[in-house]
Amino acid sequence: MSIYIPIIFVSALYYTIGHFINKENSKYLLSGYNTMSDDERKKFDIEGYLEIFKPFFKNQALYSLIVFQIFDFLFDNKVSLIIWSIYISTALLYLIIKSRQFQKK
């Protein structure tokens, strides 16, 4: 049961991120966006980005928990934790690649 504590924590954290980030506070909370100059922020479609960012993290909260539970049922804790980590990392890489389209030229 103790292996579920970090998994549930990460899922809750992901849901919180997806729920509370908005256009007003993204200037302070989103890494990369908060270090942009005002001119660079004008070139970045933050509203479009948040349309994929928010659902991504809300879905990640649910899917990562489900992925871990499925593989924990099929394998031992160590293997399921490795698969869960790979899933989380791959999903975040997808978000990074997908977010590049919001940089206006």
PDB file of N, CA and C in Angstrom:
ATOM      1  N   MET A   1       0.812  -1.193   0.000  1.00  0.00           N
ATOM      2  CA  MET A   1       0.000   0.000   0.000  1.00  0.00           C
ATOM      3  C   MET A   1       0.860   1.264   0.000  1.00  0.00           C
ATOM      4  N   SER A   2       2.013   1.228   0.616  1.00  0.00           N
ATOM      5  CA  SER A   2       2.843   2.432   0.708  1.00  0.00           C
ATOM      6  C   SER A   2       3.356   2.881  -0.660  1.00  0.00           C
ATOM      7  N   ILE A   3       3.409   1.965  -1.621  1.00  0.00           N
ATOM      8  CA  ILE A   3       3.851   2.343  -2.965  1.00  0.00           C
ATOM      9  C   ILE A   3       2.817   3.253  -3.630  1.00  0.00           C
ATOM     10  N   TYR A   4       1.576   3.180  -3.199  1.00  0.00           N
ATOM     11  CA  TYR A   4       0.526   4.005  -3.783  1.00  0.00           C
ATOM     12  C   TYR A   4       0.582   5.460  -3.323  1.00  0.00           C
ATOM     13  N   ILE A   5       1.236   5.739  -2.219  1.00  0.00           N
ATOM     14  CA  ILE A   5       1.282   7.108  -1.693  1.00  0.00           C
ATOM     15  C   ILE A   5       1.915   8.076  -2.695  1.00  0.00           C
ATOM     16  N   PRO A   6       3.117   7.796  -3.244  1.00  0.00           N
ATOM     17  CA  PRO A   6       3.658   8.743  -4.236  1.00  0.00           C
ATOM     18  C   PRO A   6       2.846   8.781  -5.534  1.00  0.00           C
ATOM     19  N   ILE A   7       2.269   7.671  -5.916  1.00  0.00           N
ATOM     20  CA  ILE A   7       1.460   7.628  -7.142  1.00  0.00           C
ATOM     21  C   ILE A   7       0.224   8.506  -6.973  1.00  0.00           C
ATOM     22  N   ILE A   8      -0.439   8.384  -5.861  1.00  0.00           N
ATOM     23  CA  ILE A   8      -1.623   9.199  -5.590  1.00  0.00           C
ATOM     24  C   ILE A   8      -1.230  10.666  -5.439  1.00  0.00           C
ATOM     25  N   PHE A   9      -0.087  10.933  -4.804  1.00  0.00           N
ATOM     26  CA  PHE A   9       0.389  12.308  -4.659  1.00  0.00           C
ATOM     27  C   PHE A   9       0.629  12.950  -6.019  1.00  0.00           C
ATOM     28  N   VAL A  10       1.311  12.242  -6.905  1.00  0.00           N
ATOM     29  CA  VAL A  10       1.588  12.780  -8.246  1.00  0.00           C
ATOM     30  C   VAL A  10       0.284  12.988  -9.009  1.00  0.00           C
ATOM     31  N   SER A  11      -0.632  12.055  -8.908  1.00  0.00           N
ATOM     32  CA  SER A  11      -1.925  12.209  -9.582  1.00  0.00           C
ATOM     33  C   SER A  11      -2.676  13.425  -9.053  1.00  0.00           C
ATOM     34  N   ALA A  12      -2.675  13.611  -7.738  1.00  0.00           N
ATOM     35  CA  ALA A  12      -3.345  14.777  -7.156  1.00  0.00           C
ATOM     36  C   ALA A  12      -2.651  16.067  -7.577  1.00  0.00           C
ATOM     37  N   LEU A  13      -1.330  16.037  -7.629  1.00  0.00           N
ATOM     38  CA  LEU A  13      -0.572  17.204  -8.062  1.00  0.00           C
ATOM     39  C   LEU A  13      -0.880  17.541  -9.519  1.00  0.00           C
ATOM     40  N   TYR A  14      -0.926  16.537 -10.376  1.00  0.00           N
ATOM     41  CA  TYR A  14      -1.249  16.753 -11.782  1.00  0.00           C
ATOM     42  C   TYR A  14      -2.649  17.345 -11.937  1.00  0.00           C
ATOM     43  N   TYR A  15      -3.607  16.818 -11.186  1.00  0.00           N
ATOM     44  CA  TYR A  15      -4.959  17.353 -11.295  1.00  0.00           C
ATOM     45  C   TYR A  15      -5.004  18.805 -10.816  1.00  0.00           C
ATOM     46  N   THR A  16      -4.300  19.089  -9.751  1.00  0.00           N
ATOM     47  CA  THR A  16      -4.252  20.461  -9.222  1.00  0.00           C
ATOM     48  C   THR A  16      -3.642  21.410 -10.239  1.00  0.00           C
ATOM     49  N   ILE A  17      -2.572  20.987 -10.884  1.00  0.00           N
ATOM     50  CA  ILE A  17      -1.945  21.811 -11.925  1.00  0.00           C
ATOM     51  C   ILE A  17      -2.945  22.080 -13.052  1.00  0.00           C
ATOM     52  N   GLY A  18      -3.604  21.041 -13.516  1.00  0.00           N
ATOM     53  CA  GLY A  18      -4.563  21.188 -14.604  1.00  0.00           C
ATOM     54  C   GLY A  18      -5.767  22.032 -14.232  1.00  0.00           C
ATOM     55  N   HIS A  19      -6.118  22.036 -12.980  1.00  0.00           N
ATOM     56  CA  HIS A  19      -7.307  22.766 -12.550  1.00  0.00           C
ATOM     57  C   HIS A  19      -7.026  24.249 -12.281  1.00  0.00           C
ATOM     58  N   PHE A  20      -5.897  24.559 -11.691  1.00  0.00           N
ATOM     59  CA  PHE A  20      -5.665  25.918 -11.208  1.00  0.00           C
ATOM     60  C   PHE A  20      -4.855  26.829 -12.128  1.00  0.00           C
ATOM     61  N   ILE A  21      -4.172  26.286 -13.120  1.00  0.00           N
ATOM     62  CA  ILE A  21      -3.431  27.152 -14.038  1.00  0.00           C
ATOM     63  C   ILE A  21      -4.427  27.854 -14.962  1.00  0.00           C
ATOM     64  N   ASN A  22      -4.261  29.159 -15.109  1.00  0.00           N
ATOM     65  CA  ASN A  22      -5.090  29.923 -16.036  1.00  0.00           C
ATOM     66  C   ASN A  22      -4.238  31.017 -16.667  1.00  0.00           C
ATOM     67  N   LYS A  23      -4.852  31.805 -17.517  1.00  0.00           N
ATOM     68  CA  LYS A  23      -4.108  32.823 -18.252  1.00  0.00           C
ATOM     69  C   LYS A  23      -3.482  33.853 -17.315  1.00  0.00           C
ATOM     70  N   GLU A  24      -4.181  34.209 -16.262  1.00  0.00           N
ATOM     71  CA  GLU A  24      -3.692  35.232 -15.347  1.00  0.00           C
ATOM     72  C   GLU A  24      -2.474  34.769 -14.543  1.00  0.00           C
ATOM     73  N   ASN A  25      -2.513  33.549 -14.030  1.00  0.00           N
ATOM     74  CA  ASN A  25      -1.395  33.108 -13.194  1.00  0.00           C
ATOM     75  C   ASN A  25      -0.313  32.358 -13.968  1.00  0.00           C
ATOM     76  N   SER A  26      -0.533  32.103 -15.242  1.00  0.00           N
ATOM     77  CA  SER A  26       0.486  31.392 -16.028  1.00  0.00           C
ATOM     78  C   SER A  26       1.752  32.219 -16.172  1.00  0.00           C
ATOM     79  N   LYS A  27       1.619  33.532 -16.095  1.00  0.00           N
ATOM     80  CA  LYS A  27       2.786  34.406 -16.184  1.00  0.00           C
ATOM     81  C   LYS A  27       3.746  34.145 -15.023  1.00  0.00           C
ATOM     82  N   TYR A  28       3.227  33.636 -13.931  1.00  0.00           N
ATOM     83  CA  TYR A  28       4.051  33.368 -12.751  1.00  0.00           C
ATOM     84  C   TYR A  28       4.372  31.889 -12.568  1.00  0.00           C
ATOM     85  N   LEU A  29       3.509  31.005 -13.051  1.00  0.00           N
ATOM     86  CA  LEU A  29       3.630  29.594 -12.714  1.00  0.00           C
ATOM     87  C   LEU A  29       4.174  28.696 -13.818  1.00  0.00           C
ATOM     88  N   LEU A  30       4.038  29.072 -15.065  1.00  0.00           N
ATOM     89  CA  LEU A  30       4.480  28.195 -16.146  1.00  0.00           C
ATOM     90  C   LEU A  30       5.956  28.427 -16.461  1.00  0.00           C
ATOM     91  N   SER A  31       6.719  27.385 -16.278  1.00  0.00           N
ATOM     92  CA  SER A  31       8.152  27.470 -16.562  1.00  0.00           C
ATOM     93  C   SER A  31       8.370  27.758 -18.040  1.00  0.00           C
ATOM     94  N   GLY A  32       9.272  28.650 -18.320  1.00  0.00           N
ATOM     95  CA  GLY A  32       9.522  29.060 -19.698  1.00  0.00           C
ATOM     96  C   GLY A  32       8.705  30.270 -20.067  1.00  0.00           C
ATOM     97  N   TYR A  33       7.416  30.215 -19.801  1.00  0.00           N
ATOM     98  CA  TYR A  33       6.546  31.363 -20.084  1.00  0.00           C
ATOM     99  C   TYR A  33       6.837  32.488 -19.105  1.00  0.00           C
ATOM    100  N   ASN A  34       7.178  32.127 -17.866  1.00  0.00           N
ATOM    101  CA  ASN A  34       7.439  33.164 -16.872  1.00  0.00           C
ATOM    102  C   ASN A  34       8.778  33.868 -17.085  1.00  0.00           C
ATOM    103  N   THR A  35       9.649  33.309 -17.888  1.00  0.00           N
ATOM    104  CA  THR A  35      10.932  33.954 -18.163  1.00  0.00           C
ATOM    105  C   THR A  35      10.952  34.686 -19.498  1.00  0.00           C
ATOM    106  N   MET A  36       9.855  34.631 -20.235  1.00  0.00           N
ATOM    107  CA  MET A  36       9.772  35.323 -21.521  1.00  0.00           C
ATOM    108  C   MET A  36       9.625  36.824 -21.307  1.00  0.00           C
ATOM    109  N   SER A  37      10.129  37.569 -22.249  1.00  0.00           N
ATOM    110  CA  SER A  37       9.893  39.017 -22.229  1.00  0.00           C
ATOM    111  C   SER A  37       8.447  39.279 -22.657  1.00  0.00           C
ATOM    112  N   ASP A  38       7.989  40.490 -22.467  1.00  0.00           N
ATOM    113  CA  ASP A  38       6.623  40.830 -22.867  1.00  0.00           C
ATOM    114  C   ASP A  38       6.413  40.646 -24.369  1.00  0.00           C
ATOM    115  N   ASP A  39       7.435  40.963 -25.162  1.00  0.00           N
ATOM    116  CA  ASP A  39       7.325  40.769 -26.614  1.00  0.00           C
ATOM    117  C   ASP A  39       7.196  39.288 -26.958  1.00  0.00           C
ATOM    118  N   GLU A  40       7.969  38.450 -26.290  1.00  0.00           N
ATOM    119  CA  GLU A  40       7.892  37.009 -26.539  1.00  0.00           C
ATOM    120  C   GLU A  40       6.541  36.458 -26.099  1.00  0.00           C
ATOM    121  N   ARG A  41       5.999  36.960 -24.997  1.00  0.00           N
ATOM    122  CA  ARG A  41       4.682  36.511 -24.541  1.00  0.00           C
ATOM    123  C   ARG A  41       3.586  36.878 -25.535  1.00  0.00           C
ATOM    124  N   LYS A  42       3.739  38.020 -26.181  1.00  0.00           N
ATOM    125  CA  LYS A  42       2.756  38.423 -27.194  1.00  0.00           C
ATOM    126  C   LYS A  42       2.792  37.493 -28.396  1.00  0.00           C
ATOM    127  N   LYS A  43       3.943  36.907 -28.665  1.00  0.00           N
ATOM    128  CA  LYS A  43       4.089  35.985 -29.789  1.00  0.00           C
ATOM    129  C   LYS A  43       3.622  34.569 -29.446  1.00  0.00           C
ATOM    130  N   PHE A  44       3.394  34.309 -28.182  1.00  0.00           N
ATOM    131  CA  PHE A  44       3.006  32.966 -27.737  1.00  0.00           C
ATOM    132  C   PHE A  44       1.499  32.923 -27.507  1.00  0.00           C
ATOM    133  N   ASP A  45       0.836  31.936 -28.102  1.00  0.00           N
ATOM    134  CA  ASP A  45      -0.615  31.767 -27.970  1.00  0.00           C
ATOM    135  C   ASP A  45      -0.923  31.034 -26.661  1.00  0.00           C
ATOM    136  N   ILE A  46      -0.972  31.787 -25.571  1.00  0.00           N
ATOM    137  CA  ILE A  46      -1.170  31.174 -24.258  1.00  0.00           C
ATOM    138  C   ILE A  46      -2.557  30.562 -24.115  1.00  0.00           C
ATOM    139  N   GLU A  47      -3.568  31.183 -24.714  1.00  0.00           N
ATOM    140  CA  GLU A  47      -4.921  30.643 -24.610  1.00  0.00           C
ATOM    141  C   GLU A  47      -5.031  29.289 -25.319  1.00  0.00           C
ATOM    142  N   GLY A  48      -4.438  29.192 -26.502  1.00  0.00           N
ATOM    143  CA  GLY A  48      -4.427  27.913 -27.208  1.00  0.00           C
ATOM    144  C   GLY A  48      -3.618  26.864 -26.474  1.00  0.00           C
ATOM    145  N   TYR A  49      -2.511  27.302 -25.899  1.00  0.00           N
ATOM    146  CA  TYR A  49      -1.664  26.380 -25.133  1.00  0.00           C
ATOM    147  C   TYR A  49      -2.405  25.836 -23.918  1.00  0.00           C
ATOM    148  N   LEU A  50      -3.110  26.707 -23.217  1.00  0.00           N
ATOM    149  CA  LEU A  50      -3.845  26.257 -22.033  1.00  0.00           C
ATOM    150  C   LEU A  50      -4.994  25.326 -22.386  1.00  0.00           C
ATOM    151  N   GLU A  51      -5.492  25.425 -23.629  1.00  0.00           N
ATOM    152  CA  GLU A  51      -6.544  24.505 -24.067  1.00  0.00           C
ATOM    153  C   GLU A  51      -6.056  23.068 -24.157  1.00  0.00           C
ATOM    154  N   ILE A  52      -4.768  22.865 -24.391  1.00  0.00           N
ATOM    155  CA  ILE A  52      -4.242  21.491 -24.370  1.00  0.00           C
ATOM    156  C   ILE A  52      -3.561  21.186 -23.040  1.00  0.00           C
ATOM    157  N   PHE A  53      -2.998  22.194 -22.395  1.00  0.00           N
ATOM    158  CA  PHE A  53      -2.266  22.005 -21.144  1.00  0.00           C
ATOM    159  C   PHE A  53      -3.179  21.524 -20.016  1.00  0.00           C
ATOM    160  N   LYS A  54      -4.288  22.216 -19.813  1.00  0.00           N
ATOM    161  CA  LYS A  54      -5.182  21.890 -18.710  1.00  0.00           C
ATOM    162  C   LYS A  54      -5.786  20.486 -18.833  1.00  0.00           C
ATOM    163  N   PRO A  55      -6.372  20.118 -19.971  1.00  0.00           N
ATOM    164  CA  PRO A  55      -6.899  18.754 -20.076  1.00  0.00           C
ATOM    165  C   PRO A  55      -5.796  17.692 -20.026  1.00  0.00           C
ATOM    166  N   PHE A  56      -4.618  18.033 -20.542  1.00  0.00           N
ATOM    167  CA  PHE A  56      -3.512  17.081 -20.501  1.00  0.00           C
ATOM    168  C   PHE A  56      -3.210  16.675 -19.062  1.00  0.00           C
ATOM    169  N   PHE A  57      -3.072  17.642 -18.184  1.00  0.00           N
ATOM    170  CA  PHE A  57      -2.722  17.320 -16.802  1.00  0.00           C
ATOM    171  C   PHE A  57      -3.879  16.681 -16.043  1.00  0.00           C
ATOM    172  N   LYS A  58      -5.094  17.075 -16.342  1.00  0.00           N
ATOM    173  CA  LYS A  58      -6.237  16.415 -15.705  1.00  0.00           C
ATOM    174  C   LYS A  58      -6.335  14.958 -16.146  1.00  0.00           C
ATOM    175  N   ASN A  59      -6.109  14.711 -17.436  1.00  0.00           N
ATOM    176  CA  ASN A  59      -6.129  13.337 -17.931  1.00  0.00           C
ATOM    177  C   ASN A  59      -4.957  12.537 -17.387  1.00  0.00           C
ATOM    178  N   GLN A  60      -3.793  13.178 -17.309  1.00  0.00           N
ATOM    179  CA  GLN A  60      -2.623  12.499 -16.761  1.00  0.00           C
ATOM    180  C   GLN A  60      -2.869  12.055 -15.333  1.00  0.00           C
ATOM    181  N   ALA A  61      -3.575  12.858 -14.572  1.00  0.00           N
ATOM    182  CA  ALA A  61      -3.873  12.501 -13.191  1.00  0.00           C
ATOM    183  C   ALA A  61      -4.628  11.175 -13.135  1.00  0.00           C
ATOM    184  N   LEU A  62      -5.574  11.010 -14.007  1.00  0.00           N
ATOM    185  CA  LEU A  62      -6.372   9.785 -14.027  1.00  0.00           C
ATOM    186  C   LEU A  62      -5.624   8.636 -14.691  1.00  0.00           C
ATOM    187  N   TYR A  63      -5.086   8.872 -15.883  1.00  0.00           N
ATOM    188  CA  TYR A  63      -4.469   7.789 -16.653  1.00  0.00           C
ATOM    189  C   TYR A  63      -3.209   7.245 -15.998  1.00  0.00           C
ATOM    190  N   SER A  64      -2.429   8.088 -15.361  1.00  0.00           N
ATOM    191  CA  SER A  64      -1.215   7.586 -14.734  1.00  0.00           C
ATOM    192  C   SER A  64      -1.552   6.663 -13.569  1.00  0.00           C
ATOM    193  N   LEU A  65      -2.597   6.996 -12.841  1.00  0.00           N
ATOM    194  CA  LEU A  65      -3.034   6.129 -11.747  1.00  0.00           C
ATOM    195  C   LEU A  65      -3.543   4.792 -12.287  1.00  0.00           C
ATOM    196  N   ILE A  66      -4.292   4.850 -13.375  1.00  0.00           N
ATOM    197  CA  ILE A  66      -4.817   3.622 -13.981  1.00  0.00           C
ATOM    198  C   ILE A  66      -3.688   2.766 -14.538  1.00  0.00           C
ATOM    199  N   VAL A  67      -2.737   3.396 -15.214  1.00  0.00           N
ATOM    200  CA  VAL A  67      -1.595   2.658 -15.764  1.00  0.00           C
ATOM    201  C   VAL A  67      -0.841   1.941 -14.649  1.00  0.00           C
ATOM    202  N   PHE A  68      -0.608   2.649 -13.563  1.00  0.00           N
ATOM    203  CA  PHE A  68       0.104   2.011 -12.458  1.00  0.00           C
ATOM    204  C   PHE A  68      -0.692   0.846 -11.883  1.00  0.00           C
ATOM    205  N   GLN A  69      -1.975   1.017 -11.686  1.00  0.00           N
ATOM    206  CA  GLN A  69      -2.785  -0.061 -11.113  1.00  0.00           C
ATOM    207  C   GLN A  69      -2.829  -1.286 -12.011  1.00  0.00           C
ATOM    208  N   ILE A  70      -2.943  -1.077 -13.301  1.00  0.00           N
ATOM    209  CA  ILE A  70      -2.968  -2.212 -14.232  1.00  0.00           C
ATOM    210  C   ILE A  70      -1.661  -2.986 -14.168  1.00  0.00           C
ATOM    211  N   PHE A  71      -0.551  -2.270 -14.245  1.00  0.00           N
ATOM    212  CA  PHE A  71       0.732  -2.962 -14.241  1.00  0.00           C
ATOM    213  C   PHE A  71       1.103  -3.477 -12.861  1.00  0.00           C
ATOM    214  N   ASP A  72       0.593  -2.870 -11.818  1.00  0.00           N
ATOM    215  CA  ASP A  72       0.830  -3.408 -10.478  1.00  0.00           C
ATOM    216  C   ASP A  72       0.072  -4.719 -10.294  1.00  0.00           C
ATOM    217  N   PHE A  73      -1.074  -4.828 -10.944  1.00  0.00           N
ATOM    218  CA  PHE A  73      -1.835  -6.077 -10.914  1.00  0.00           C
ATOM    219  C   PHE A  73      -1.109  -7.169 -11.704  1.00  0.00           C
ATOM    220  N   LEU A  74      -0.493  -6.795 -12.840  1.00  0.00           N
ATOM    221  CA  LEU A  74       0.156  -7.770 -13.707  1.00  0.00           C
ATOM    222  C   LEU A  74       1.568  -8.138 -13.260  1.00  0.00           C
ATOM    223  N   PHE A  75       2.284  -7.168 -12.680  1.00  0.00           N
ATOM    224  CA  PHE A  75       3.682  -7.382 -12.304  1.00  0.00           C
ATOM    225  C   PHE A  75       3.879  -6.984 -10.848  1.00  0.00           C
ATOM    226  N   ASP A  76       5.124  -7.003 -10.419  1.00  0.00           N
ATOM    227  CA  ASP A  76       5.415  -6.567  -9.050  1.00  0.00           C
ATOM    228  C   ASP A  76       5.557  -5.046  -8.994  1.00  0.00           C
ATOM    229  N   ASN A  77       5.740  -4.520  -7.794  1.00  0.00           N
ATOM    230  CA  ASN A  77       5.797  -3.064  -7.592  1.00  0.00           C
ATOM    231  C   ASN A  77       6.934  -2.405  -8.357  1.00  0.00           C
ATOM    232  N   LYS A  78       8.081  -3.053  -8.377  1.00  0.00           N
ATOM    233  CA  LYS A  78       9.251  -2.454  -9.021  1.00  0.00           C
ATOM    234  C   LYS A  78       9.022  -2.277 -10.519  1.00  0.00           C
ATOM    235  N   VAL A  79       8.534  -3.300 -11.184  1.00  0.00           N
ATOM    236  CA  VAL A  79       8.282  -3.245 -12.625  1.00  0.00           C
ATOM    237  C   VAL A  79       7.182  -2.238 -12.927  1.00  0.00           C
ATOM    238  N   SER A  80       6.128  -2.256 -12.148  1.00  0.00           N
ATOM    239  CA  SER A  80       5.030  -1.326 -12.401  1.00  0.00           C
ATOM    240  C   SER A  80       5.460   0.123 -12.174  1.00  0.00           C
ATOM    241  N   LEU A  81       6.337   0.358 -11.220  1.00  0.00           N
ATOM    242  CA  LEU A  81       6.843   1.709 -10.989  1.00  0.00           C
ATOM    243  C   LEU A  81       7.729   2.178 -12.135  1.00  0.00           C
ATOM    244  N   ILE A  82       8.517   1.284 -12.690  1.00  0.00           N
ATOM    245  CA  ILE A  82       9.359   1.616 -13.850  1.00  0.00           C
ATOM    246  C   ILE A  82       8.481   1.940 -15.057  1.00  0.00           C
ATOM    247  N   ILE A  83       7.481   1.124 -15.313  1.00  0.00           N
ATOM    248  CA  ILE A  83       6.575   1.364 -16.438  1.00  0.00           C
ATOM    249  C   ILE A  83       5.821   2.672 -16.238  1.00  0.00           C
ATOM    250  N   TRP A  84       5.368   2.931 -15.009  1.00  0.00           N
ATOM    251  CA  TRP A  84       4.671   4.182 -14.696  1.00  0.00           C
ATOM    252  C   TRP A  84       5.589   5.381 -14.950  1.00  0.00           C
ATOM    253  N   SER A  85       6.843   5.275 -14.551  1.00  0.00           N
ATOM    254  CA  SER A  85       7.802   6.369 -14.766  1.00  0.00           C
ATOM    255  C   SER A  85       8.039   6.622 -16.247  1.00  0.00           C
ATOM    256  N   ILE A  86       8.148   5.559 -17.016  1.00  0.00           N
ATOM    257  CA  ILE A  86       8.323   5.694 -18.464  1.00  0.00           C
ATOM    258  C   ILE A  86       7.082   6.341 -19.078  1.00  0.00           C
ATOM    259  N   TYR A  87       5.912   5.931 -18.624  1.00  0.00           N
ATOM    260  CA  TYR A  87       4.669   6.519 -19.131  1.00  0.00           C
ATOM    261  C   TYR A  87       4.607   8.021 -18.829  1.00  0.00           C
ATOM    262  N   ILE A  88       4.907   8.394 -17.611  1.00  0.00           N
ATOM    263  CA  ILE A  88       4.880   9.805 -17.213  1.00  0.00           C
ATOM    264  C   ILE A  88       5.872  10.609 -18.052  1.00  0.00           C
ATOM    265  N   SER A  89       7.077  10.098 -18.204  1.00  0.00           N
ATOM    266  CA  SER A  89       8.114  10.803 -18.965  1.00  0.00           C
ATOM    267  C   SER A  89       7.732  10.945 -20.430  1.00  0.00           C
ATOM    268  N   THR A  90       7.219   9.894 -21.011  1.00  0.00           N
ATOM    269  CA  THR A  90       6.815   9.919 -22.415  1.00  0.00           C
ATOM    270  C   THR A  90       5.674  10.910 -22.633  1.00  0.00           C
ATOM    271  N   ALA A  91       4.727  10.926 -21.725  1.00  0.00           N
ATOM    272  CA  ALA A  91       3.608  11.857 -21.849  1.00  0.00           C
ATOM    273  C   ALA A  91       4.075  13.304 -21.750  1.00  0.00           C
ATOM    274  N   LEU A  92       5.009  13.575 -20.863  1.00  0.00           N
ATOM    275  CA  LEU A  92       5.529  14.936 -20.742  1.00  0.00           C
ATOM    276  C   LEU A  92       6.325  15.338 -21.983  1.00  0.00           C
ATOM    277  N   LEU A  93       7.042  14.408 -22.564  1.00  0.00           N
ATOM    278  CA  LEU A  93       7.734  14.698 -23.822  1.00  0.00           C
ATOM    279  C   LEU A  93       6.740  15.029 -24.926  1.00  0.00           C
ATOM    280  N   TYR A  94       5.635  14.311 -24.954  1.00  0.00           N
ATOM    281  CA  TYR A  94       4.571  14.603 -25.918  1.00  0.00           C
ATOM    282  C   TYR A  94       4.059  16.027 -25.730  1.00  0.00           C
ATOM    283  N   LEU A  95       3.836  16.437 -24.480  1.00  0.00           N
ATOM    284  CA  LEU A  95       3.355  17.792 -24.210  1.00  0.00           C
ATOM    285  C   LEU A  95       4.365  18.834 -24.674  1.00  0.00           C
ATOM    286  N   ILE A  96       5.625  18.587 -24.451  1.00  0.00           N
ATOM    287  CA  ILE A  96       6.665  19.522 -24.881  1.00  0.00           C
ATOM    288  C   ILE A  96       6.662  19.670 -26.395  1.00  0.00           C
ATOM    289  N   ILE A  97       6.604  18.547 -27.091  1.00  0.00           N
ATOM    290  CA  ILE A  97       6.604  18.583 -28.561  1.00  0.00           C
ATOM    291  C   ILE A  97       5.333  19.262 -29.072  1.00  0.00           C
ATOM    292  N   LYS A  98       4.197  18.929 -28.487  1.00  0.00           N
ATOM    293  CA  LYS A  98       2.916  19.507 -28.905  1.00  0.00           C
ATOM    294  C   LYS A  98       2.870  21.006 -28.633  1.00  0.00           C
ATOM    295  N   SER A  99       3.516  21.461 -27.590  1.00  0.00           N
ATOM    296  CA  SER A  99       3.454  22.878 -27.219  1.00  0.00           C
ATOM    297  C   SER A  99       4.268  23.774 -28.139  1.00  0.00           C
ATOM    298  N   ARG A 100       5.144  23.218 -28.921  1.00  0.00           N
ATOM    299  CA  ARG A 100       5.958  24.037 -29.828  1.00  0.00           C
ATOM    300  C   ARG A 100       5.117  24.717 -30.893  1.00  0.00           C
ATOM    301  N   GLN A 101       3.953  24.185 -31.188  1.00  0.00           N
ATOM    302  CA  GLN A 101       3.118  24.777 -32.231  1.00  0.00           C
ATOM    303  C   GLN A 101       2.498  26.114 -31.796  1.00  0.00           C
ATOM    304  N   PHE A 102       2.549  26.454 -30.535  1.00  0.00           N
ATOM    305  CA  PHE A 102       1.919  27.681 -30.057  1.00  0.00           C
ATOM    306  C   PHE A 102       2.884  28.880 -30.082  1.00  0.00           C
ATOM    307  N   GLN A 103       4.099  28.646 -30.470  1.00  0.00           N
ATOM    308  CA  GLN A 103       5.067  29.728 -30.614  1.00  0.00           C
ATOM    309  C   GLN A 103       4.816  30.419 -31.953  1.00  0.00           C
ATOM    310  N   LYS A 104       4.293  31.636 -31.908  1.00  0.00           N
ATOM    311  CA  LYS A 104       4.013  32.371 -33.129  1.00  0.00           C
ATOM    312  C   LYS A 104       5.306  32.946 -33.686  1.00  0.00           C
ATOM    313  N   LYS A 105       5.425  32.944 -34.971  1.00  0.00           N
ATOM    314  CA  LYS A 105       6.640  33.471 -35.623  1.00  0.00           C
ATOM    315  C   LYS A 105       6.606  34.960 -35.700  1.00  0.00           C
TER     316      LYS A 105
END
